[in-house]
Amino acid sequence: TITALLALTYFYQVLQLEEIVVLRYNSEFWIAIGMFIFYTCQVPYFGVLNFLIKNYQPLAERLISVLQVVASIMYLLFTYAFLCRINTKKF
């Protein structure tokens, strides 16, 4: 929960900046958006996991695959963020 809140704080700070920030090449933005997406899905799932396992076992198993997809999206966004840091020189 704290990680998602910190990502929201970062988004708020970016909105309050006086200069224009190109988000396409801003690696911090992509890392924050990846963490925000993942943790906003993970916290509710793990909050009700014991209830789901006791009462709705098949649903709990299907939702873990959804969480794996969201984790993959987060890591893809991390990869894009690190690729934004690579500077290519043109000759």
PDB file of N, CA and C in Angstrom:
ATOM      1  N   THR A   1       0.826  -1.184   0.000  1.00  0.00           N
ATOM      2  CA  THR A   1       0.000   0.000   0.000  1.00  0.00           C
ATOM      3  C   THR A   1       0.873   1.252   0.000  1.00  0.00           C
ATOM      4  N   ILE A   2       1.937   1.211   0.763  1.00  0.00           N
ATOM      5  CA  ILE A   2       2.819   2.377   0.830  1.00  0.00           C
ATOM      6  C   ILE A   2       3.469   2.636  -0.521  1.00  0.00           C
ATOM      7  N   THR A   3       3.835   1.575  -1.229  1.00  0.00           N
ATOM      8  CA  THR A   3       4.456   1.741  -2.541  1.00  0.00           C
ATOM      9  C   THR A   3       3.492   2.396  -3.519  1.00  0.00           C
ATOM     10  N   ALA A   4       2.241   1.978  -3.520  1.00  0.00           N
ATOM     11  CA  ALA A   4       1.244   2.590  -4.404  1.00  0.00           C
ATOM     12  C   ALA A   4       1.016   4.050  -4.031  1.00  0.00           C
ATOM     13  N   LEU A   5       0.989   4.344  -2.748  1.00  0.00           N
ATOM     14  CA  LEU A   5       0.812   5.730  -2.320  1.00  0.00           C
ATOM     15  C   LEU A   5       2.011   6.597  -2.704  1.00  0.00           C
ATOM     16  N   LEU A   6       3.202   6.040  -2.604  1.00  0.00           N
ATOM     17  CA  LEU A   6       4.385   6.792  -3.019  1.00  0.00           C
ATOM     18  C   LEU A   6       4.397   7.035  -4.522  1.00  0.00           C
ATOM     19  N   ALA A   7       3.915   6.066  -5.293  1.00  0.00           N
ATOM     20  CA  ALA A   7       3.807   6.271  -6.736  1.00  0.00           C
ATOM     21  C   ALA A   7       2.803   7.374  -7.042  1.00  0.00           C
ATOM     22  N   LEU A   8       1.681   7.394  -6.323  1.00  0.00           N
ATOM     23  CA  LEU A   8       0.712   8.477  -6.511  1.00  0.00           C
ATOM     24  C   LEU A   8       1.310   9.828  -6.143  1.00  0.00           C
ATOM     25  N   THR A   9       2.123   9.853  -5.108  1.00  0.00           N
ATOM     26  CA  THR A   9       2.799  11.091  -4.717  1.00  0.00           C
ATOM     27  C   THR A   9       3.734  11.553  -5.822  1.00  0.00           C
ATOM     28  N   TYR A  10       4.435  10.622  -6.447  1.00  0.00           N
ATOM     29  CA  TYR A  10       5.318  10.966  -7.559  1.00  0.00           C
ATOM     30  C   TYR A  10       4.507  11.546  -8.719  1.00  0.00           C
ATOM     31  N   PHE A  11       3.362  10.934  -9.047  1.00  0.00           N
ATOM     32  CA  PHE A  11       2.527  11.447 -10.128  1.00  0.00           C
ATOM     33  C   PHE A  11       2.060  12.867  -9.822  1.00  0.00           C
ATOM     34  N   TYR A  12       1.699  13.110  -8.591  1.00  0.00           N
ATOM     35  CA  TYR A  12       1.264  14.451  -8.191  1.00  0.00           C
ATOM     36  C   TYR A  12       2.400  15.460  -8.344  1.00  0.00           C
ATOM     37  N   GLN A  13       3.601  15.069  -7.969  1.00  0.00           N
ATOM     38  CA  GLN A  13       4.746  15.962  -8.096  1.00  0.00           C
ATOM     39  C   GLN A  13       5.053  16.259  -9.553  1.00  0.00           C
ATOM     40  N   VAL A  14       4.912  15.268 -10.414  1.00  0.00           N
ATOM     41  CA  VAL A  14       5.150  15.496 -11.838  1.00  0.00           C
ATOM     42  C   VAL A  14       4.112  16.471 -12.396  1.00  0.00           C
ATOM     43  N   LEU A  15       2.867  16.344 -11.943  1.00  0.00           N
ATOM     44  CA  LEU A  15       1.832  17.265 -12.410  1.00  0.00           C
ATOM     45  C   LEU A  15       2.060  18.691 -11.926  1.00  0.00           C
ATOM     46  N   GLN A  16       2.700  18.860 -10.787  1.00  0.00           N
ATOM     47  CA  GLN A  16       2.910  20.182 -10.213  1.00  0.00           C
ATOM     48  C   GLN A  16       4.174  20.878 -10.728  1.00  0.00           C
ATOM     49  N   LEU A  17       4.986  20.185 -11.524  1.00  0.00           N
ATOM     50  CA  LEU A  17       6.214  20.798 -12.028  1.00  0.00           C
ATOM     51  C   LEU A  17       5.899  21.961 -12.954  1.00  0.00           C
ATOM     52  N   GLU A  18       6.741  22.957 -12.915  1.00  0.00           N
ATOM     53  CA  GLU A  18       6.550  24.135 -13.769  1.00  0.00           C
ATOM     54  C   GLU A  18       7.010  23.853 -15.195  1.00  0.00           C
ATOM     55  N   GLU A  19       8.079  23.071 -15.357  1.00  0.00           N
ATOM     56  CA  GLU A  19       8.564  22.773 -16.699  1.00  0.00           C
ATOM     57  C   GLU A  19       7.851  21.537 -17.255  1.00  0.00           C
ATOM     58  N   ILE A  20       7.862  21.435 -18.546  1.00  0.00           N
ATOM     59  CA  ILE A  20       7.206  20.307 -19.218  1.00  0.00           C
ATOM     60  C   ILE A  20       8.146  19.105 -19.192  1.00  0.00           C
ATOM     61  N   VAL A  21       7.620  17.976 -18.763  1.00  0.00           N
ATOM     62  CA  VAL A  21       8.400  16.745 -18.697  1.00  0.00           C
ATOM     63  C   VAL A  21       7.877  15.810 -19.788  1.00  0.00           C
ATOM     64  N   VAL A  22       8.794  15.320 -20.623  1.00  0.00           N
ATOM     65  CA  VAL A  22       8.416  14.366 -21.659  1.00  0.00           C
ATOM     66  C   VAL A  22       8.378  12.990 -21.003  1.00  0.00           C
ATOM     67  N   LEU A  23       7.190  12.485 -20.763  1.00  0.00           N
ATOM     68  CA  LEU A  23       7.038  11.231 -20.026  1.00  0.00           C
ATOM     69  C   LEU A  23       7.467  10.022 -20.840  1.00  0.00           C
ATOM     70  N   ARG A  24       7.484  10.154 -22.139  1.00  0.00           N
ATOM     71  CA  ARG A  24       7.879   9.030 -22.987  1.00  0.00           C
ATOM     72  C   ARG A  24       9.309   8.578 -22.688  1.00  0.00           C
ATOM     73  N   TYR A  25      10.165   9.514 -22.332  1.00  0.00           N
ATOM     74  CA  TYR A  25      11.572   9.186 -22.065  1.00  0.00           C
ATOM     75  C   TYR A  25      11.934   9.295 -20.591  1.00  0.00           C
ATOM     76  N   ASN A  26      10.972   9.451 -19.726  1.00  0.00           N
ATOM     77  CA  ASN A  26      11.227   9.611 -18.301  1.00  0.00           C
ATOM     78  C   ASN A  26      11.143   8.233 -17.628  1.00  0.00           C
ATOM     79  N   SER A  27      12.289   7.669 -17.301  1.00  0.00           N
ATOM     80  CA  SER A  27      12.312   6.309 -16.760  1.00  0.00           C
ATOM     81  C   SER A  27      11.658   6.222 -15.383  1.00  0.00           C
ATOM     82  N   GLU A  28      11.767   7.277 -14.581  1.00  0.00           N
ATOM     83  CA  GLU A  28      11.135   7.247 -13.263  1.00  0.00           C
ATOM     84  C   GLU A  28       9.621   7.114 -13.370  1.00  0.00           C
ATOM     85  N   PHE A  29       9.042   7.757 -14.370  1.00  0.00           N
ATOM     86  CA  PHE A  29       7.597   7.668 -14.574  1.00  0.00           C
ATOM     87  C   PHE A  29       7.188   6.236 -14.890  1.00  0.00           C
ATOM     88  N   TRP A  30       7.922   5.568 -15.760  1.00  0.00           N
ATOM     89  CA  TRP A  30       7.550   4.204 -16.160  1.00  0.00           C
ATOM     90  C   TRP A  30       7.724   3.222 -15.015  1.00  0.00           C
ATOM     91  N   ILE A  31       8.736   3.425 -14.185  1.00  0.00           N
ATOM     92  CA  ILE A  31       8.905   2.569 -13.010  1.00  0.00           C
ATOM     93  C   ILE A  31       7.760   2.802 -12.032  1.00  0.00           C
ATOM     94  N   ALA A  32       7.402   4.052 -11.816  1.00  0.00           N
ATOM     95  CA  ALA A  32       6.308   4.365 -10.892  1.00  0.00           C
ATOM     96  C   ALA A  32       4.977   3.822 -11.396  1.00  0.00           C
ATOM     97  N   ILE A  33       4.712   3.930 -12.693  1.00  0.00           N
ATOM     98  CA  ILE A  33       3.442   3.431 -13.221  1.00  0.00           C
ATOM     99  C   ILE A  33       3.391   1.909 -13.152  1.00  0.00           C
ATOM    100  N   GLY A  34       4.520   1.246 -13.374  1.00  0.00           N
ATOM    101  CA  GLY A  34       4.557  -0.219 -13.257  1.00  0.00           C
ATOM    102  C   GLY A  34       4.295  -0.672 -11.836  1.00  0.00           C
ATOM    103  N   MET A  35       4.941  -0.019 -10.887  1.00  0.00           N
ATOM    104  CA  MET A  35       4.723  -0.386  -9.488  1.00  0.00           C
ATOM    105  C   MET A  35       3.309  -0.068  -9.046  1.00  0.00           C
ATOM    106  N   PHE A  36       2.754   1.056  -9.515  1.00  0.00           N
ATOM    107  CA  PHE A  36       1.395   1.420  -9.138  1.00  0.00           C
ATOM    108  C   PHE A  36       0.386   0.391  -9.665  1.00  0.00           C
ATOM    109  N   ILE A  37       0.532  -0.012 -10.910  1.00  0.00           N
ATOM    110  CA  ILE A  37      -0.387  -1.002 -11.487  1.00  0.00           C
ATOM    111  C   ILE A  37      -0.296  -2.321 -10.736  1.00  0.00           C
ATOM    112  N   PHE A  38       0.915  -2.783 -10.484  1.00  0.00           N
ATOM    113  CA  PHE A  38       1.077  -4.077  -9.824  1.00  0.00           C
ATOM    114  C   PHE A  38       0.538  -4.063  -8.396  1.00  0.00           C
ATOM    115  N   TYR A  39       0.932  -3.058  -7.623  1.00  0.00           N
ATOM    116  CA  TYR A  39       0.555  -3.069  -6.214  1.00  0.00           C
ATOM    117  C   TYR A  39      -0.910  -2.732  -5.980  1.00  0.00           C
ATOM    118  N   THR A  40      -1.551  -1.996  -6.892  1.00  0.00           N
ATOM    119  CA  THR A  40      -2.978  -1.781  -6.732  1.00  0.00           C
ATOM    120  C   THR A  40      -3.776  -3.035  -7.053  1.00  0.00           C
ATOM    121  N   CYS A  41      -3.186  -3.960  -7.789  1.00  0.00           N
ATOM    122  CA  CYS A  41      -3.836  -5.258  -8.017  1.00  0.00           C
ATOM    123  C   CYS A  41      -3.462  -6.274  -6.938  1.00  0.00           C
ATOM    124  N   GLN A  42      -2.243  -6.209  -6.449  1.00  0.00           N
ATOM    125  CA  GLN A  42      -1.765  -7.194  -5.490  1.00  0.00           C
ATOM    126  C   GLN A  42      -2.381  -7.021  -4.102  1.00  0.00           C
ATOM    127  N   VAL A  43      -2.490  -5.809  -3.624  1.00  0.00           N
ATOM    128  CA  VAL A  43      -2.969  -5.569  -2.259  1.00  0.00           C
ATOM    129  C   VAL A  43      -4.383  -6.107  -2.047  1.00  0.00           C
ATOM    130  N   PRO A  44      -5.356  -5.820  -2.919  1.00  0.00           N
ATOM    131  CA  PRO A  44      -6.689  -6.386  -2.682  1.00  0.00           C
ATOM    132  C   PRO A  44      -6.715  -7.913  -2.796  1.00  0.00           C
ATOM    133  N   TYR A  45      -5.923  -8.461  -3.730  1.00  0.00           N
ATOM    134  CA  TYR A  45      -5.912  -9.914  -3.896  1.00  0.00           C
ATOM    135  C   TYR A  45      -5.401 -10.604  -2.639  1.00  0.00           C
ATOM    136  N   PHE A  46      -4.266 -10.168  -2.141  1.00  0.00           N
ATOM    137  CA  PHE A  46      -3.717 -10.811  -0.952  1.00  0.00           C
ATOM    138  C   PHE A  46      -4.516 -10.474   0.303  1.00  0.00           C
ATOM    139  N   GLY A  47      -5.281  -9.389   0.250  1.00  0.00           N
ATOM    140  CA  GLY A  47      -6.141  -9.057   1.382  1.00  0.00           C
ATOM    141  C   GLY A  47      -7.283 -10.038   1.563  1.00  0.00           C
ATOM    142  N   VAL A  48      -7.773 -10.603   0.458  1.00  0.00           N
ATOM    143  CA  VAL A  48      -8.890 -11.551   0.530  1.00  0.00           C
ATOM    144  C   VAL A  48      -8.466 -12.973   0.184  1.00  0.00           C
ATOM    145  N   LEU A  49      -7.172 -13.227   0.128  1.00  0.00           N
ATOM    146  CA  LEU A  49      -6.683 -14.539  -0.307  1.00  0.00           C
ATOM    147  C   LEU A  49      -7.142 -15.668   0.607  1.00  0.00           C
ATOM    148  N   ASN A  50      -7.056 -15.504   1.909  1.00  0.00           N
ATOM    149  CA  ASN A  50      -7.488 -16.571   2.816  1.00  0.00           C
ATOM    150  C   ASN A  50      -8.972 -16.879   2.648  1.00  0.00           C
ATOM    151  N   PHE A  51      -9.788 -15.844   2.480  1.00  0.00           N
ATOM    152  CA  PHE A  51     -11.216 -16.048   2.259  1.00  0.00           C
ATOM    153  C   PHE A  51     -11.455 -16.792   0.948  1.00  0.00           C
ATOM    154  N   LEU A  52     -10.735 -16.413  -0.094  1.00  0.00           N
ATOM    155  CA  LEU A  52     -10.906 -17.079  -1.385  1.00  0.00           C
ATOM    156  C   LEU A  52     -10.466 -18.535  -1.338  1.00  0.00           C
ATOM    157  N   ILE A  53      -9.381 -18.825  -0.650  1.00  0.00           N
ATOM    158  CA  ILE A  53      -8.896 -20.199  -0.571  1.00  0.00           C
ATOM    159  C   ILE A  53      -9.888 -21.075   0.185  1.00  0.00           C
ATOM    160  N   LYS A  54     -10.473 -20.554   1.251  1.00  0.00           N
ATOM    161  CA  LYS A  54     -11.436 -21.344   2.035  1.00  0.00           C
ATOM    162  C   LYS A  54     -12.757 -21.544   1.300  1.00  0.00           C
ATOM    163  N   ASN A  55     -13.227 -20.510   0.602  1.00  0.00           N
ATOM    164  CA  ASN A  55     -14.572 -20.563   0.035  1.00  0.00           C
ATOM    165  C   ASN A  55     -14.623 -20.721  -1.483  1.00  0.00           C
ATOM    166  N   TYR A  56     -13.655 -20.185  -2.193  1.00  0.00           N
ATOM    167  CA  TYR A  56     -13.677 -20.182  -3.661  1.00  0.00           C
ATOM    168  C   TYR A  56     -12.300 -20.560  -4.211  1.00  0.00           C
ATOM    169  N   GLN A  57     -11.875 -21.763  -3.981  1.00  0.00           N
ATOM    170  CA  GLN A  57     -10.546 -22.223  -4.382  1.00  0.00           C
ATOM    171  C   GLN A  57     -10.288 -22.046  -5.885  1.00  0.00           C
ATOM    172  N   PRO A  58     -11.213 -22.434  -6.771  1.00  0.00           N
ATOM    173  CA  PRO A  58     -10.930 -22.256  -8.211  1.00  0.00           C
ATOM    174  C   PRO A  58     -10.749 -20.782  -8.599  1.00  0.00           C
ATOM    175  N   LEU A  59     -11.524 -19.904  -7.996  1.00  0.00           N
ATOM    176  CA  LEU A  59     -11.384 -18.483  -8.289  1.00  0.00           C
ATOM    177  C   LEU A  59     -10.028 -17.959  -7.827  1.00  0.00           C
ATOM    178  N   ALA A  60      -9.578 -18.400  -6.673  1.00  0.00           N
ATOM    179  CA  ALA A  60      -8.268 -17.973  -6.167  1.00  0.00           C
ATOM    180  C   ALA A  60      -7.154 -18.415  -7.103  1.00  0.00           C
ATOM    181  N   GLU A  61      -7.279 -19.614  -7.660  1.00  0.00           N
ATOM    182  CA  GLU A  61      -6.257 -20.107  -8.592  1.00  0.00           C
ATOM    183  C   GLU A  61      -6.282 -19.348  -9.909  1.00  0.00           C
ATOM    184  N   ARG A  62      -7.463 -18.973 -10.383  1.00  0.00           N
ATOM    185  CA  ARG A  62      -7.545 -18.195 -11.621  1.00  0.00           C
ATOM    186  C   ARG A  62      -7.031 -16.775 -11.422  1.00  0.00           C
ATOM    187  N   LEU A  63      -7.284 -16.217 -10.263  1.00  0.00           N
ATOM    188  CA  LEU A  63      -6.834 -14.846 -10.016  1.00  0.00           C
ATOM    189  C   LEU A  63      -5.319 -14.754  -9.857  1.00  0.00           C
ATOM    190  N   ILE A  64      -4.680 -15.827  -9.437  1.00  0.00           N
ATOM    191  CA  ILE A  64      -3.221 -15.782  -9.344  1.00  0.00           C
ATOM    192  C   ILE A  64      -2.597 -15.677 -10.729  1.00  0.00           C
ATOM    193  N   SER A  65      -3.245 -16.257 -11.739  1.00  0.00           N
ATOM    194  CA  SER A  65      -2.725 -16.103 -13.100  1.00  0.00           C
ATOM    195  C   SER A  65      -2.907 -14.666 -13.583  1.00  0.00           C
ATOM    196  N   VAL A  66      -3.969 -14.001 -13.161  1.00  0.00           N
ATOM    197  CA  VAL A  66      -4.147 -12.588 -13.488  1.00  0.00           C
ATOM    198  C   VAL A  66      -3.053 -11.762 -12.827  1.00  0.00           C
ATOM    199  N   LEU A  67      -2.725 -12.102 -11.603  1.00  0.00           N
ATOM    200  CA  LEU A  67      -1.659 -11.391 -10.899  1.00  0.00           C
ATOM    201  C   LEU A  67      -0.309 -11.609 -11.585  1.00  0.00           C
ATOM    202  N   GLN A  68      -0.096 -12.788 -12.150  1.00  0.00           N
ATOM    203  CA  GLN A  68       1.142 -13.046 -12.883  1.00  0.00           C
ATOM    204  C   GLN A  68       1.219 -12.204 -14.157  1.00  0.00           C
ATOM    205  N   VAL A  69       0.091 -12.012 -14.806  1.00  0.00           N
ATOM    206  CA  VAL A  69       0.064 -11.156 -15.993  1.00  0.00           C
ATOM    207  C   VAL A  69       0.373  -9.712 -15.616  1.00  0.00           C
ATOM    208  N   VAL A  70      -0.208  -9.249 -14.522  1.00  0.00           N
ATOM    209  CA  VAL A  70       0.049  -7.884 -14.062  1.00  0.00           C
ATOM    210  C   VAL A  70       1.520  -7.727 -13.668  1.00  0.00           C
ATOM    211  N   ALA A  71       2.102  -8.742 -13.071  1.00  0.00           N
ATOM    212  CA  ALA A  71       3.527  -8.696 -12.732  1.00  0.00           C
ATOM    213  C   ALA A  71       4.374  -8.631 -14.001  1.00  0.00           C
ATOM    214  N   SER A  72       3.979  -9.369 -15.026  1.00  0.00           N
ATOM    215  CA  SER A  72       4.701  -9.312 -16.294  1.00  0.00           C
ATOM    216  C   SER A  72       4.624  -7.924 -16.909  1.00  0.00           C
ATOM    217  N   ILE A  73       3.458  -7.289 -16.805  1.00  0.00           N
ATOM    218  CA  ILE A  73       3.315  -5.921 -17.316  1.00  0.00           C
ATOM    219  C   ILE A  73       4.235  -4.978 -16.554  1.00  0.00           C
ATOM    220  N   MET A  74       4.314  -5.157 -15.237  1.00  0.00           N
ATOM    221  CA  MET A  74       5.193  -4.317 -14.440  1.00  0.00           C
ATOM    222  C   MET A  74       6.642  -4.481 -14.890  1.00  0.00           C
ATOM    223  N   TYR A  75       7.082  -5.707 -15.094  1.00  0.00           N
ATOM    224  CA  TYR A  75       8.468  -5.926 -15.497  1.00  0.00           C
ATOM    225  C   TYR A  75       8.730  -5.444 -16.916  1.00  0.00           C
ATOM    226  N   LEU A  76       7.729  -5.492 -17.781  1.00  0.00           N
ATOM    227  CA  LEU A  76       7.889  -4.915 -19.114  1.00  0.00           C
ATOM    228  C   LEU A  76       8.044  -3.399 -19.038  1.00  0.00           C
ATOM    229  N   LEU A  77       7.289  -2.777 -18.147  1.00  0.00           N
ATOM    230  CA  LEU A  77       7.441  -1.335 -17.961  1.00  0.00           C
ATOM    231  C   LEU A  77       8.793  -0.988 -17.350  1.00  0.00           C
ATOM    232  N   PHE A  78       9.294  -1.829 -16.452  1.00  0.00           N
ATOM    233  CA  PHE A  78      10.643  -1.629 -15.916  1.00  0.00           C
ATOM    234  C   PHE A  78      11.682  -1.726 -17.032  1.00  0.00           C
ATOM    235  N   THR A  79      11.508  -2.701 -17.907  1.00  0.00           N
ATOM    236  CA  THR A  79      12.439  -2.871 -19.018  1.00  0.00           C
ATOM    237  C   THR A  79      12.426  -1.646 -19.918  1.00  0.00           C
ATOM    238  N   TYR A  80      11.231  -1.144 -20.227  1.00  0.00           N
ATOM    239  CA  TYR A  80      11.131   0.061 -21.039  1.00  0.00           C
ATOM    240  C   TYR A  80      11.799   1.247 -20.334  1.00  0.00           C
ATOM    241  N   ALA A  81      11.631   1.335 -19.032  1.00  0.00           N
ATOM    242  CA  ALA A  81      12.250   2.430 -18.279  1.00  0.00           C
ATOM    243  C   ALA A  81      13.772   2.367 -18.374  1.00  0.00           C
ATOM    244  N   PHE A  82      14.326   1.177 -18.277  1.00  0.00           N
ATOM    245  CA  PHE A  82      15.778   1.060 -18.385  1.00  0.00           C
ATOM    246  C   PHE A  82      16.246   1.297 -19.813  1.00  0.00           C
ATOM    247  N   LEU A  83      15.431   0.962 -20.799  1.00  0.00           N
ATOM    248  CA  LEU A  83      15.792   1.258 -22.181  1.00  0.00           C
ATOM    249  C   LEU A  83      15.738   2.758 -22.467  1.00  0.00           C
ATOM    250  N   CYS A  84      14.929   3.476 -21.738  1.00  0.00           N
ATOM    251  CA  CYS A  84      14.876   4.935 -21.888  1.00  0.00           C
ATOM    252  C   CYS A  84      16.187   5.577 -21.461  1.00  0.00           C
ATOM    253  N   ARG A  85      16.922   4.930 -20.599  1.00  0.00           N
ATOM    254  CA  ARG A  85      18.183   5.467 -20.087  1.00  0.00           C
ATOM    255  C   ARG A  85      19.340   5.292 -21.057  1.00  0.00           C
ATOM    256  N   ILE A  86      19.178   4.433 -22.050  1.00  0.00           N
ATOM    257  CA  ILE A  86      20.265   4.173 -22.996  1.00  0.00           C
ATOM    258  C   ILE A  86      20.358   5.331 -23.971  1.00  0.00           C
ATOM    259  N   ASN A  87      21.528   5.899 -24.052  1.00  0.00           N
ATOM    260  CA  ASN A  87      21.761   6.994 -24.991  1.00  0.00           C
ATOM    261  C   ASN A  87      22.469   6.443 -26.224  1.00  0.00           C
ATOM    262  N   THR A  88      21.890   6.690 -27.357  1.00  0.00           N
ATOM    263  CA  THR A  88      22.527   6.252 -28.604  1.00  0.00           C
ATOM    264  C   THR A  88      23.137   7.476 -29.264  1.00  0.00           C
ATOM    265  N   LYS A  89      24.322   7.294 -29.779  1.00  0.00           N
ATOM    266  CA  LYS A  89      25.022   8.397 -30.435  1.00  0.00           C
ATOM    267  C   LYS A  89      24.919   8.197 -31.937  1.00  0.00           C
ATOM    268  N   LYS A  90      24.551   9.269 -32.617  1.00  0.00           N
ATOM    269  CA  LYS A  90      24.483   9.246 -34.076  1.00  0.00           C
ATOM    270  C   LYS A  90      25.751   9.880 -34.633  1.00  0.00           C
ATOM    271  N   PHE A  91      26.291   9.238 -35.636  1.00  0.00           N
ATOM    272  CA  PHE A  91      27.530   9.748 -36.225  1.00  0.00           C
ATOM    273  C   PHE A  91      27.236  10.614 -37.404  1.00  0.00           C
TER     274      PHE A  91
END
